[in-house]
N, C-alpha and C. Protein backbone atom coordinates (compact mmCIF):
# COMPACT_ATOMS: atom_id res chain seq x y z
N MET A 1 0.84 -1.20 0.00
CA MET A 1 0.00 0.00 0.00
C MET A 1 0.87 1.25 0.00
N VAL A 2 1.93 1.22 0.79
CA VAL A 2 2.85 2.36 0.86
C VAL A 2 3.52 2.58 -0.48
N GLN A 3 3.93 1.49 -1.15
CA GLN A 3 4.59 1.61 -2.43
C GLN A 3 3.65 2.19 -3.48
N LYS A 4 2.41 1.73 -3.53
CA LYS A 4 1.45 2.24 -4.49
C LYS A 4 1.19 3.73 -4.26
N GLU A 5 1.09 4.11 -3.01
CA GLU A 5 0.86 5.51 -2.66
C GLU A 5 2.01 6.37 -3.14
N HIS A 6 3.23 5.87 -2.95
CA HIS A 6 4.39 6.65 -3.35
C HIS A 6 4.51 6.76 -4.87
N LEU A 7 4.22 5.67 -5.59
CA LEU A 7 4.29 5.70 -7.04
C LEU A 7 3.29 6.69 -7.61
N LEU A 8 2.08 6.72 -7.05
CA LEU A 8 1.08 7.69 -7.48
C LEU A 8 1.54 9.10 -7.19
N LEU A 9 2.14 9.29 -6.03
CA LEU A 9 2.65 10.59 -5.63
C LEU A 9 3.71 11.08 -6.59
N LYS A 10 4.63 10.22 -6.99
CA LYS A 10 5.70 10.60 -7.90
C LYS A 10 5.14 10.97 -9.27
N ILE A 11 4.12 10.23 -9.73
CA ILE A 11 3.51 10.52 -11.02
C ILE A 11 2.84 11.89 -11.01
N VAL A 12 2.07 12.16 -9.94
CA VAL A 12 1.40 13.45 -9.81
C VAL A 12 2.41 14.58 -9.76
N SER A 13 3.47 14.41 -8.97
CA SER A 13 4.50 15.44 -8.83
C SER A 13 5.19 15.72 -10.16
N LEU A 14 5.49 14.65 -10.90
CA LEU A 14 6.18 14.80 -12.18
C LEU A 14 5.31 15.56 -13.17
N ILE A 15 4.01 15.24 -13.21
CA ILE A 15 3.09 15.93 -14.12
C ILE A 15 3.02 17.41 -13.79
N LEU A 16 2.95 17.72 -12.48
CA LEU A 16 2.86 19.11 -12.07
C LEU A 16 4.12 19.88 -12.42
N ILE A 17 5.28 19.26 -12.21
CA ILE A 17 6.54 19.94 -12.50
C ILE A 17 6.69 20.20 -13.99
N VAL A 18 6.36 19.21 -14.82
CA VAL A 18 6.44 19.38 -16.27
C VAL A 18 5.50 20.48 -16.73
N THR A 19 4.27 20.49 -16.18
CA THR A 19 3.29 21.50 -16.54
C THR A 19 3.78 22.89 -16.17
N CYS A 20 4.31 23.03 -14.95
CA CYS A 20 4.78 24.33 -14.49
C CYS A 20 5.96 24.82 -15.31
N SER A 21 6.86 23.93 -15.68
CA SER A 21 8.08 24.32 -16.38
C SER A 21 7.81 24.71 -17.82
N SER A 22 6.78 24.11 -18.45
CA SER A 22 6.59 24.30 -19.87
C SER A 22 5.61 25.40 -20.22
N CYS A 23 4.54 25.60 -19.40
CA CYS A 23 3.52 26.54 -19.82
C CYS A 23 2.91 27.31 -18.66
N TYR A 24 3.60 27.38 -17.56
CA TYR A 24 3.01 27.96 -16.36
C TYR A 24 2.89 29.46 -16.43
N ASN A 25 3.89 30.15 -16.98
CA ASN A 25 3.84 31.60 -17.00
C ASN A 25 4.85 32.17 -17.97
N LYS A 26 4.72 33.44 -18.24
CA LYS A 26 5.58 34.10 -19.22
C LYS A 26 6.98 34.34 -18.70
N SER A 27 7.21 34.19 -17.39
CA SER A 27 8.55 34.38 -16.83
C SER A 27 9.38 33.11 -16.91
N ALA A 28 8.75 31.98 -17.23
CA ALA A 28 9.44 30.70 -17.17
C ALA A 28 10.64 30.65 -18.10
N LYS A 29 10.60 31.40 -19.20
CA LYS A 29 11.70 31.37 -20.15
C LYS A 29 12.98 31.95 -19.55
N GLU A 30 12.87 32.64 -18.41
CA GLU A 30 14.03 33.24 -17.78
C GLU A 30 14.56 32.41 -16.62
N GLU A 31 14.11 31.17 -16.49
CA GLU A 31 14.55 30.33 -15.38
C GLU A 31 16.05 30.07 -15.47
N VAL A 32 16.65 29.85 -14.32
CA VAL A 32 18.08 29.58 -14.25
C VAL A 32 18.39 28.20 -14.81
N VAL A 33 19.42 28.10 -15.62
CA VAL A 33 19.86 26.81 -16.14
C VAL A 33 20.88 26.22 -15.17
N ILE A 34 20.59 25.02 -14.66
CA ILE A 34 21.43 24.41 -13.64
C ILE A 34 22.37 23.37 -14.25
N PRO A 35 23.68 23.48 -13.99
CA PRO A 35 24.62 22.46 -14.48
C PRO A 35 24.27 21.09 -13.92
N SER A 36 24.59 20.05 -14.64
CA SER A 36 24.27 18.69 -14.21
C SER A 36 24.93 18.35 -12.88
N SER A 37 26.03 19.02 -12.55
CA SER A 37 26.72 18.74 -11.30
C SER A 37 25.91 19.16 -10.09
N PHE A 38 24.89 20.01 -10.28
CA PHE A 38 24.04 20.46 -9.19
C PHE A 38 22.77 19.63 -9.06
N VAL A 39 22.62 18.60 -9.86
CA VAL A 39 21.46 17.72 -9.77
C VAL A 39 21.77 16.61 -8.77
N VAL A 40 20.93 16.47 -7.75
CA VAL A 40 21.18 15.52 -6.67
C VAL A 40 20.65 14.13 -7.04
N ASN A 41 21.48 13.13 -6.88
CA ASN A 41 21.09 11.74 -7.14
C ASN A 41 20.27 11.20 -5.97
N THR A 42 19.07 10.69 -6.24
CA THR A 42 18.21 10.17 -5.16
C THR A 42 17.85 8.70 -5.37
N THR A 43 18.58 8.02 -6.23
CA THR A 43 18.24 6.62 -6.53
C THR A 43 18.43 5.71 -5.33
N MET A 44 19.22 6.14 -4.34
CA MET A 44 19.47 5.29 -3.18
C MET A 44 18.39 5.43 -2.11
N ILE A 45 17.45 6.38 -2.30
CA ILE A 45 16.40 6.59 -1.30
C ILE A 45 15.30 5.55 -1.47
N PRO A 46 14.93 4.82 -0.41
CA PRO A 46 13.84 3.83 -0.50
C PRO A 46 12.53 4.50 -0.90
N ILE A 47 11.62 3.73 -1.47
CA ILE A 47 10.36 4.30 -1.95
C ILE A 47 9.32 4.44 -0.84
N ASP A 48 9.68 4.11 0.39
CA ASP A 48 8.74 4.24 1.51
C ASP A 48 8.27 5.68 1.67
N THR A 49 6.96 5.85 1.88
CA THR A 49 6.38 7.17 2.11
C THR A 49 5.50 7.12 3.35
N ILE A 50 5.71 8.08 4.26
CA ILE A 50 4.90 8.13 5.47
C ILE A 50 4.35 9.55 5.63
N LEU A 51 3.30 9.68 6.43
CA LEU A 51 2.71 10.99 6.69
C LEU A 51 3.47 11.70 7.80
N SER A 52 3.47 13.03 7.72
CA SER A 52 4.17 13.83 8.72
C SER A 52 3.53 13.70 10.10
N THR A 53 2.29 13.21 10.15
CA THR A 53 1.58 13.05 11.42
C THR A 53 1.93 11.76 12.14
N ASN A 54 2.78 10.94 11.52
CA ASN A 54 3.18 9.67 12.14
C ASN A 54 3.81 9.92 13.50
N LYS A 55 3.25 9.31 14.54
CA LYS A 55 3.71 9.55 15.91
C LYS A 55 5.11 9.00 16.18
N ASP A 56 5.59 8.13 15.30
CA ASP A 56 6.92 7.56 15.49
C ASP A 56 8.03 8.40 14.87
N LEU A 57 7.64 9.49 14.20
CA LEU A 57 8.62 10.41 13.61
C LEU A 57 9.19 11.33 14.69
N LYS A 58 10.48 11.57 14.59
CA LYS A 58 11.12 12.45 15.56
C LYS A 58 12.31 13.15 14.92
N LEU A 59 12.46 14.43 15.25
CA LEU A 59 13.60 15.20 14.78
C LEU A 59 14.50 15.47 15.97
N ASP A 60 15.73 15.02 15.87
CA ASP A 60 16.67 15.17 16.98
C ASP A 60 18.02 15.63 16.45
N ASN A 61 18.41 16.85 16.85
CA ASN A 61 19.70 17.40 16.45
C ASN A 61 19.88 17.41 14.93
N GLY A 62 18.80 17.78 14.23
CA GLY A 62 18.85 17.90 12.78
C GLY A 62 18.69 16.59 12.03
N ILE A 63 18.47 15.48 12.71
CA ILE A 63 18.33 14.17 12.08
C ILE A 63 16.90 13.65 12.32
N VAL A 64 16.28 13.13 11.26
CA VAL A 64 14.93 12.59 11.36
C VAL A 64 14.99 11.09 11.65
N TYR A 65 14.20 10.68 12.65
CA TYR A 65 14.15 9.27 13.05
C TYR A 65 12.72 8.75 12.90
N LEU A 66 12.60 7.48 12.59
CA LEU A 66 11.32 6.79 12.60
C LEU A 66 11.48 5.57 13.50
N SER A 67 10.71 5.56 14.59
CA SER A 67 10.82 4.48 15.58
C SER A 67 12.27 4.32 16.05
N ASN A 68 12.90 5.46 16.33
CA ASN A 68 14.27 5.50 16.86
C ASN A 68 15.33 5.00 15.88
N THR A 69 14.96 4.88 14.60
CA THR A 69 15.91 4.49 13.56
C THR A 69 16.05 5.63 12.56
N VAL A 70 17.28 5.97 12.20
CA VAL A 70 17.50 7.04 11.23
C VAL A 70 16.69 6.75 9.97
N TYR A 71 15.92 7.75 9.53
CA TYR A 71 14.95 7.52 8.45
C TYR A 71 15.49 7.86 7.07
N SER A 72 15.22 6.96 6.13
CA SER A 72 15.45 7.21 4.70
C SER A 72 14.14 6.92 3.98
N GLY A 73 13.67 7.87 3.20
CA GLY A 73 12.40 7.71 2.51
C GLY A 73 11.75 9.07 2.30
N TYR A 74 10.42 9.05 2.14
CA TYR A 74 9.68 10.27 1.83
C TYR A 74 8.67 10.57 2.92
N ILE A 75 8.51 11.84 3.23
CA ILE A 75 7.52 12.30 4.21
C ILE A 75 6.59 13.29 3.51
N GLN A 76 5.29 13.04 3.61
CA GLN A 76 4.35 13.95 2.98
C GLN A 76 3.34 14.49 3.98
N GLN A 77 2.85 15.69 3.67
CA GLN A 77 1.83 16.34 4.47
C GLN A 77 0.64 16.65 3.57
N MET A 78 -0.58 16.54 4.11
CA MET A 78 -1.78 16.69 3.32
C MET A 78 -2.60 17.90 3.78
N TYR A 79 -3.31 18.52 2.82
CA TYR A 79 -4.32 19.51 3.15
C TYR A 79 -5.58 18.79 3.63
N GLU A 80 -6.49 19.54 4.22
CA GLU A 80 -7.74 18.95 4.69
C GLU A 80 -8.59 18.42 3.55
N ASN A 81 -8.37 18.94 2.33
CA ASN A 81 -9.13 18.46 1.17
C ASN A 81 -8.46 17.26 0.50
N ASP A 82 -7.48 16.66 1.22
CA ASP A 82 -6.76 15.47 0.75
C ASP A 82 -5.81 15.74 -0.41
N GLN A 83 -5.58 17.02 -0.73
CA GLN A 83 -4.54 17.35 -1.70
C GLN A 83 -3.18 17.30 -1.00
N ILE A 84 -2.15 16.96 -1.75
CA ILE A 84 -0.80 16.93 -1.20
C ILE A 84 -0.33 18.35 -0.92
N LYS A 85 0.12 18.61 0.29
CA LYS A 85 0.64 19.92 0.68
C LYS A 85 2.14 20.01 0.42
N ASP A 86 2.88 18.99 0.82
CA ASP A 86 4.32 18.97 0.56
C ASP A 86 4.86 17.56 0.64
N VAL A 87 6.00 17.36 0.02
CA VAL A 87 6.69 16.07 0.00
C VAL A 87 8.17 16.33 0.20
N PHE A 88 8.76 15.73 1.23
CA PHE A 88 10.18 15.89 1.51
C PHE A 88 10.87 14.53 1.41
N SER A 89 12.04 14.49 0.81
CA SER A 89 12.80 13.25 0.69
C SER A 89 13.99 13.28 1.63
N TYR A 90 14.26 12.13 2.27
CA TYR A 90 15.33 12.03 3.28
C TYR A 90 16.22 10.83 3.00
N TYR A 91 17.49 11.02 3.32
CA TYR A 91 18.45 9.92 3.24
C TYR A 91 19.33 9.98 4.48
N LYS A 92 19.32 8.91 5.24
CA LYS A 92 20.07 8.83 6.49
C LYS A 92 19.72 10.00 7.42
N GLY A 93 18.43 10.31 7.46
CA GLY A 93 17.93 11.31 8.38
C GLY A 93 18.02 12.75 7.93
N LYS A 94 18.62 13.01 6.77
CA LYS A 94 18.78 14.38 6.28
C LYS A 94 18.07 14.55 4.94
N GLN A 95 17.62 15.78 4.68
CA GLN A 95 16.96 16.05 3.41
C GLN A 95 17.92 15.80 2.25
N GLU A 96 17.40 15.13 1.23
CA GLU A 96 18.21 14.76 0.07
C GLU A 96 17.31 14.81 -1.16
N GLY A 97 17.71 15.60 -2.15
CA GLY A 97 16.90 15.70 -3.35
C GLY A 97 15.85 16.79 -3.23
N ALA A 98 14.81 16.69 -4.06
CA ALA A 98 13.81 17.74 -4.14
C ALA A 98 12.79 17.67 -3.02
N SER A 99 12.48 18.83 -2.45
CA SER A 99 11.37 18.99 -1.51
C SER A 99 10.34 19.85 -2.21
N LEU A 100 9.13 19.31 -2.37
CA LEU A 100 8.09 19.97 -3.15
C LEU A 100 6.95 20.44 -2.26
N THR A 101 6.48 21.66 -2.51
CA THR A 101 5.33 22.23 -1.80
C THR A 101 4.29 22.65 -2.82
N TYR A 102 3.01 22.39 -2.50
CA TYR A 102 1.93 22.66 -3.44
C TYR A 102 0.89 23.62 -2.85
N PHE A 103 0.23 24.37 -3.73
CA PHE A 103 -0.92 25.15 -3.33
C PHE A 103 -2.10 24.20 -3.11
N PRO A 104 -3.15 24.65 -2.39
CA PRO A 104 -4.32 23.79 -2.15
C PRO A 104 -4.99 23.28 -3.42
N ASN A 105 -4.81 24.00 -4.55
CA ASN A 105 -5.40 23.56 -5.81
C ASN A 105 -4.55 22.51 -6.53
N GLY A 106 -3.43 22.12 -5.92
CA GLY A 106 -2.60 21.08 -6.50
C GLY A 106 -1.45 21.57 -7.35
N LYS A 107 -1.38 22.88 -7.62
CA LYS A 107 -0.29 23.40 -8.45
C LYS A 107 0.97 23.60 -7.61
N LEU A 108 2.11 23.44 -8.27
CA LEU A 108 3.39 23.54 -7.59
C LEU A 108 3.62 24.95 -7.05
N LYS A 109 4.04 25.04 -5.80
CA LYS A 109 4.37 26.31 -5.15
C LYS A 109 5.88 26.50 -5.06
N ASP A 110 6.58 25.50 -4.54
CA ASP A 110 8.03 25.58 -4.38
C ASP A 110 8.68 24.24 -4.68
N SER A 111 9.88 24.31 -5.21
CA SER A 111 10.73 23.14 -5.36
C SER A 111 12.12 23.52 -4.87
N ARG A 112 12.58 22.83 -3.83
CA ARG A 112 13.88 23.13 -3.24
C ARG A 112 14.72 21.86 -3.22
N SER A 113 15.98 22.01 -3.51
CA SER A 113 16.87 20.86 -3.63
C SER A 113 17.89 20.84 -2.49
N TYR A 114 18.15 19.63 -1.96
CA TYR A 114 19.06 19.48 -0.83
C TYR A 114 20.03 18.33 -1.06
N LYS A 115 21.17 18.45 -0.39
CA LYS A 115 22.16 17.39 -0.40
C LYS A 115 22.76 17.30 0.99
N ALA A 116 22.57 16.14 1.63
CA ALA A 116 23.03 15.94 3.01
C ALA A 116 22.52 17.03 3.95
N GLY A 117 21.26 17.43 3.73
CA GLY A 117 20.63 18.39 4.61
C GLY A 117 20.92 19.85 4.31
N LYS A 118 21.73 20.12 3.29
CA LYS A 118 22.08 21.50 2.94
C LYS A 118 21.47 21.87 1.59
N SER A 119 21.12 23.14 1.44
CA SER A 119 20.59 23.62 0.16
C SER A 119 21.64 23.41 -0.92
N TYR A 120 21.22 22.73 -1.99
CA TYR A 120 22.18 22.39 -3.03
C TYR A 120 21.43 22.26 -4.35
N GLY A 121 21.79 23.10 -5.32
CA GLY A 121 21.12 23.05 -6.61
C GLY A 121 20.04 24.10 -6.73
N ARG A 122 19.06 23.82 -7.54
CA ARG A 122 18.04 24.81 -7.88
C ARG A 122 16.90 24.86 -6.88
N HIS A 123 16.54 26.09 -6.49
CA HIS A 123 15.35 26.36 -5.67
C HIS A 123 14.49 27.34 -6.47
N TYR A 124 13.26 26.97 -6.73
CA TYR A 124 12.39 27.88 -7.47
C TYR A 124 10.96 27.78 -6.96
N GLY A 125 10.20 28.85 -7.17
CA GLY A 125 8.83 28.87 -6.66
C GLY A 125 7.95 29.78 -7.48
N TYR A 126 6.63 29.63 -7.28
CA TYR A 126 5.64 30.38 -8.04
C TYR A 126 4.71 31.17 -7.12
N TRP A 127 4.19 32.27 -7.63
CA TRP A 127 3.10 32.97 -6.99
C TRP A 127 1.82 32.16 -7.21
N SER A 128 0.79 32.46 -6.44
CA SER A 128 -0.47 31.72 -6.57
C SER A 128 -1.14 31.92 -7.92
N ASN A 129 -0.79 33.02 -8.62
CA ASN A 129 -1.37 33.26 -9.94
C ASN A 129 -0.62 32.54 -11.05
N GLY A 130 0.42 31.79 -10.69
CA GLY A 130 1.17 31.03 -11.67
C GLY A 130 2.44 31.67 -12.16
N ASN A 131 2.66 32.94 -11.83
CA ASN A 131 3.89 33.61 -12.25
C ASN A 131 5.08 33.12 -11.41
N LEU A 132 6.21 33.01 -12.08
CA LEU A 132 7.43 32.61 -11.39
C LEU A 132 7.80 33.65 -10.34
N LYS A 133 8.14 33.19 -9.14
CA LYS A 133 8.44 34.09 -8.02
C LYS A 133 9.94 34.24 -7.79
N TYR A 134 10.66 33.12 -7.80
CA TYR A 134 12.11 33.17 -7.60
C TYR A 134 12.76 31.96 -8.25
N ASP A 135 14.02 32.09 -8.58
CA ASP A 135 14.79 30.99 -9.18
C ASP A 135 16.22 31.16 -8.71
N PHE A 136 16.63 30.35 -7.73
CA PHE A 136 17.92 30.49 -7.07
C PHE A 136 18.78 29.24 -7.31
N VAL A 137 20.07 29.39 -7.06
CA VAL A 137 21.01 28.27 -7.08
C VAL A 137 21.82 28.31 -5.79
N TYR A 138 21.95 27.14 -5.15
CA TYR A 138 22.74 27.04 -3.92
C TYR A 138 23.82 25.98 -4.06
N ASN A 139 24.91 26.19 -3.35
CA ASN A 139 25.97 25.21 -3.26
C ASN A 139 26.37 25.10 -1.79
N ASN A 140 25.93 24.00 -1.14
CA ASN A 140 26.21 23.80 0.29
C ASN A 140 25.74 24.98 1.13
N ASP A 141 24.47 25.35 0.96
CA ASP A 141 23.81 26.42 1.72
C ASP A 141 24.27 27.82 1.33
N LYS A 142 25.07 27.95 0.30
CA LYS A 142 25.56 29.26 -0.12
C LYS A 142 25.04 29.60 -1.52
N ARG A 143 24.63 30.86 -1.69
CA ARG A 143 24.15 31.30 -2.99
C ARG A 143 25.28 31.26 -4.01
N GLU A 144 24.93 30.80 -5.21
CA GLU A 144 25.95 30.63 -6.24
C GLU A 144 25.35 30.97 -7.60
N GLY A 145 25.99 31.88 -8.33
CA GLY A 145 25.53 32.22 -9.67
C GLY A 145 24.37 33.21 -9.65
N LEU A 146 23.60 33.22 -10.73
CA LEU A 146 22.51 34.18 -10.91
C LEU A 146 21.28 33.80 -10.08
N GLN A 147 20.82 34.73 -9.26
CA GLN A 147 19.64 34.54 -8.41
C GLN A 147 18.55 35.51 -8.88
N LYS A 148 17.40 34.97 -9.28
CA LYS A 148 16.36 35.81 -9.89
C LYS A 148 15.09 35.83 -9.04
N GLN A 149 14.45 37.01 -9.00
CA GLN A 149 13.15 37.15 -8.35
C GLN A 149 12.24 38.00 -9.21
N TRP A 150 10.93 37.71 -9.14
CA TRP A 150 9.93 38.44 -9.89
C TRP A 150 8.81 38.92 -8.97
N TYR A 151 8.17 40.01 -9.34
CA TYR A 151 6.97 40.46 -8.64
C TYR A 151 5.79 39.54 -8.99
N GLU A 152 4.75 39.61 -8.18
CA GLU A 152 3.56 38.79 -8.43
C GLU A 152 2.94 39.10 -9.78
N SER A 153 3.12 40.32 -10.24
CA SER A 153 2.59 40.73 -11.54
C SER A 153 3.33 40.09 -12.72
N GLY A 154 4.51 39.53 -12.44
CA GLY A 154 5.33 38.93 -13.50
C GLY A 154 6.52 39.78 -13.87
N GLY A 155 6.56 41.02 -13.40
CA GLY A 155 7.69 41.89 -13.69
C GLY A 155 8.93 41.51 -12.90
N LYS A 156 10.08 41.88 -13.41
CA LYS A 156 11.34 41.56 -12.74
C LYS A 156 11.48 42.34 -11.44
N TYR A 157 11.97 41.69 -10.41
CA TYR A 157 12.27 42.33 -9.13
C TYR A 157 13.78 42.49 -8.97
N SER A 158 14.52 41.37 -9.01
CA SER A 158 15.97 41.47 -8.87
C SER A 158 16.67 40.33 -9.58
N PHE A 159 17.78 40.65 -10.23
CA PHE A 159 18.68 39.67 -10.84
C PHE A 159 20.04 39.92 -10.21
N LEU A 160 20.44 39.06 -9.28
CA LEU A 160 21.67 39.25 -8.53
C LEU A 160 22.63 38.09 -8.79
N THR A 161 23.91 38.39 -8.79
CA THR A 161 24.92 37.37 -9.07
C THR A 161 25.80 37.18 -7.84
N PHE A 162 26.00 35.91 -7.47
CA PHE A 162 26.78 35.59 -6.27
C PHE A 162 27.86 34.56 -6.58
N LYS A 163 28.91 34.61 -5.77
CA LYS A 163 29.96 33.60 -5.80
C LYS A 163 30.32 33.29 -4.36
N ASN A 164 30.10 32.04 -3.96
CA ASN A 164 30.37 31.62 -2.59
C ASN A 164 29.61 32.50 -1.59
N ASP A 165 28.36 32.81 -1.91
CA ASP A 165 27.44 33.56 -1.06
C ASP A 165 27.77 35.05 -0.94
N ALA A 166 28.66 35.55 -1.78
CA ALA A 166 28.99 36.97 -1.77
C ALA A 166 28.67 37.57 -3.13
N GLU A 167 28.23 38.84 -3.14
CA GLU A 167 27.93 39.50 -4.40
C GLU A 167 29.16 39.48 -5.31
N ASP A 168 28.92 39.14 -6.57
CA ASP A 168 30.03 39.07 -7.51
C ASP A 168 29.47 39.25 -8.92
N GLY A 169 29.78 40.38 -9.55
CA GLY A 169 29.26 40.64 -10.88
C GLY A 169 28.12 41.64 -10.86
N MET A 170 27.31 41.66 -11.92
CA MET A 170 26.23 42.64 -12.06
C MET A 170 25.09 42.35 -11.08
N GLN A 171 24.59 43.41 -10.46
CA GLN A 171 23.46 43.34 -9.55
C GLN A 171 22.40 44.32 -10.05
N LYS A 172 21.19 43.80 -10.33
CA LYS A 172 20.13 44.65 -10.88
C LYS A 172 18.83 44.43 -10.13
N ALA A 173 18.08 45.51 -9.93
CA ALA A 173 16.76 45.42 -9.31
C ALA A 173 15.88 46.53 -9.86
N TRP A 174 14.55 46.26 -9.84
CA TRP A 174 13.60 47.17 -10.43
C TRP A 174 12.44 47.44 -9.47
N ARG A 175 11.89 48.65 -9.52
CA ARG A 175 10.64 48.92 -8.83
C ARG A 175 9.53 48.13 -9.53
N GLU A 176 8.39 48.01 -8.85
CA GLU A 176 7.30 47.23 -9.45
C GLU A 176 6.72 47.92 -10.68
N ASN A 177 7.00 49.22 -10.84
CA ASN A 177 6.55 49.92 -12.05
C ASN A 177 7.52 49.74 -13.21
N GLY A 178 8.58 48.95 -12.99
CA GLY A 178 9.52 48.63 -14.06
C GLY A 178 10.76 49.49 -14.11
N LYS A 179 10.81 50.54 -13.30
CA LYS A 179 11.97 51.43 -13.33
C LYS A 179 13.11 50.84 -12.49
N PRO A 180 14.33 50.88 -13.00
CA PRO A 180 15.48 50.34 -12.25
C PRO A 180 15.83 51.21 -11.05
N TYR A 181 16.19 50.58 -9.94
CA TYR A 181 16.68 51.34 -8.80
C TYR A 181 17.99 50.78 -8.25
N ILE A 182 18.45 49.69 -8.82
CA ILE A 182 19.79 49.18 -8.51
C ILE A 182 20.41 48.66 -9.80
N ASN A 183 21.63 49.07 -10.07
CA ASN A 183 22.34 48.60 -11.26
C ASN A 183 23.82 48.86 -11.02
N TYR A 184 24.49 47.89 -10.43
CA TYR A 184 25.89 48.09 -10.11
C TYR A 184 26.70 46.81 -10.28
N GLN A 185 27.99 47.00 -10.35
CA GLN A 185 28.93 45.89 -10.46
C GLN A 185 29.57 45.65 -9.10
N ALA A 186 29.56 44.41 -8.65
CA ALA A 186 30.20 44.05 -7.38
C ALA A 186 31.48 43.26 -7.66
N LYS A 187 32.55 43.69 -7.03
CA LYS A 187 33.83 43.01 -7.22
C LYS A 187 34.71 43.21 -6.00
N ASP A 188 35.18 42.10 -5.44
CA ASP A 188 36.09 42.14 -4.29
C ASP A 188 35.54 42.96 -3.13
N GLY A 189 34.23 42.84 -2.89
CA GLY A 189 33.61 43.53 -1.76
C GLY A 189 33.26 44.98 -2.01
N HIS A 190 33.48 45.47 -3.24
CA HIS A 190 33.16 46.86 -3.57
C HIS A 190 32.04 46.91 -4.60
N ARG A 191 31.28 48.02 -4.59
CA ARG A 191 30.17 48.21 -5.52
C ARG A 191 30.44 49.43 -6.40
N TYR A 192 30.15 49.28 -7.69
CA TYR A 192 30.38 50.37 -8.63
C TYR A 192 29.12 50.55 -9.47
N GLY A 193 28.40 51.69 -9.26
CA GLY A 193 27.21 51.96 -10.05
C GLY A 193 26.05 52.46 -9.21
N LEU A 194 24.82 52.32 -9.74
CA LEU A 194 23.60 52.84 -9.13
C LEU A 194 23.19 52.02 -7.92
N GLN A 195 23.08 52.70 -6.76
CA GLN A 195 22.65 52.05 -5.52
C GLN A 195 21.68 52.98 -4.80
N LYS A 196 20.42 52.93 -5.16
CA LYS A 196 19.43 53.83 -4.57
C LYS A 196 18.84 53.29 -3.27
N SER A 197 18.94 51.99 -3.05
CA SER A 197 18.36 51.41 -1.83
C SER A 197 18.90 50.02 -1.61
N ASN A 198 18.67 49.49 -0.41
CA ASN A 198 19.06 48.12 -0.11
C ASN A 198 18.00 47.16 -0.62
N LEU A 199 18.37 45.89 -0.74
CA LEU A 199 17.44 44.89 -1.25
C LEU A 199 16.68 44.19 -0.14
N CYS A 200 16.57 44.80 1.04
CA CYS A 200 15.82 44.18 2.12
C CYS A 200 14.34 44.52 2.02
N TYR A 201 13.96 45.34 1.04
CA TYR A 201 12.56 45.64 0.80
C TYR A 201 12.38 45.96 -0.68
N THR A 202 11.13 46.03 -1.14
CA THR A 202 10.85 46.37 -2.52
C THR A 202 10.11 47.69 -2.57
N LEU A 203 10.07 48.30 -3.74
CA LEU A 203 9.42 49.59 -3.90
C LEU A 203 8.33 49.50 -4.94
N LEU A 204 7.15 50.03 -4.61
CA LEU A 204 6.05 50.14 -5.56
C LEU A 204 5.79 51.63 -5.75
N ASP A 205 6.19 52.16 -6.93
CA ASP A 205 6.07 53.60 -7.20
C ASP A 205 6.73 54.44 -6.10
N GLY A 206 7.85 53.93 -5.58
CA GLY A 206 8.60 54.68 -4.59
C GLY A 206 8.14 54.48 -3.17
N LYS A 207 7.08 53.70 -2.93
CA LYS A 207 6.58 53.47 -1.58
C LYS A 207 7.09 52.14 -1.05
N LEU A 208 7.38 52.14 0.25
CA LEU A 208 7.94 50.96 0.89
C LEU A 208 6.96 49.80 0.87
N LYS A 209 7.44 48.61 0.50
CA LYS A 209 6.62 47.40 0.46
C LYS A 209 7.41 46.30 1.15
N LEU A 210 6.98 45.89 2.34
CA LEU A 210 7.75 44.94 3.14
C LEU A 210 7.74 43.56 2.51
N PRO A 211 8.82 42.78 2.69
CA PRO A 211 8.91 41.44 2.10
C PRO A 211 8.19 40.42 2.97
N THR A 212 8.08 39.20 2.44
CA THR A 212 7.55 38.08 3.20
C THR A 212 8.63 37.04 3.33
N ASN A 213 8.44 36.06 4.26
CA ASN A 213 9.44 35.01 4.44
C ASN A 213 9.55 34.08 3.25
N GLU A 214 8.58 34.16 2.33
CA GLU A 214 8.57 33.25 1.18
C GLU A 214 9.58 33.66 0.14
N ASN A 215 10.22 34.84 0.30
CA ASN A 215 11.17 35.30 -0.70
C ASN A 215 12.51 34.59 -0.63
N LYS A 216 12.69 33.82 0.41
CA LYS A 216 13.98 33.16 0.54
C LYS A 216 14.11 32.08 -0.50
């Protein structure tokens, strides 16, 4: 029964990911291209799938256990309408591979990739209207390469470049009305160019707009 449940889950997840990647929104063409070296191998993870409400599940010092045994497999959480809310994959008690989160209507909300419990590879997510929200790359919990974010309307918010979690290269950001407010080159800890504000908030026609925790 567990195996059948997991196979169905994988089929549904795959269909949703393909749908989102191919025709979800007009921003999709700007998604980050991830080198094959950042793709996490999950073939060693057992196909066992359990619910997050399982009383035998325990998190201790960053390691997930099932019945006091380090857990390898999949953990899923459900909405009250029996739609899948999220699916996390674990290997030897740590997150490994893709962790998927869905909206109540079944559409993909976030896809985050992990290796040995650390952010590794592509992390991307969508607004509830289907527009791409962010597209990041991580290497061992550190930002690496081009990191992109979009407003809910579909307009560009920020295109930032990182190396080993530090700004490196062109950094660009736009107000929600499309006007640029950051456009500078970062090199060796120095910035050269337009710096009208910090990226800890966004601007809508010059007015402060506070961020949410979902921007990470």
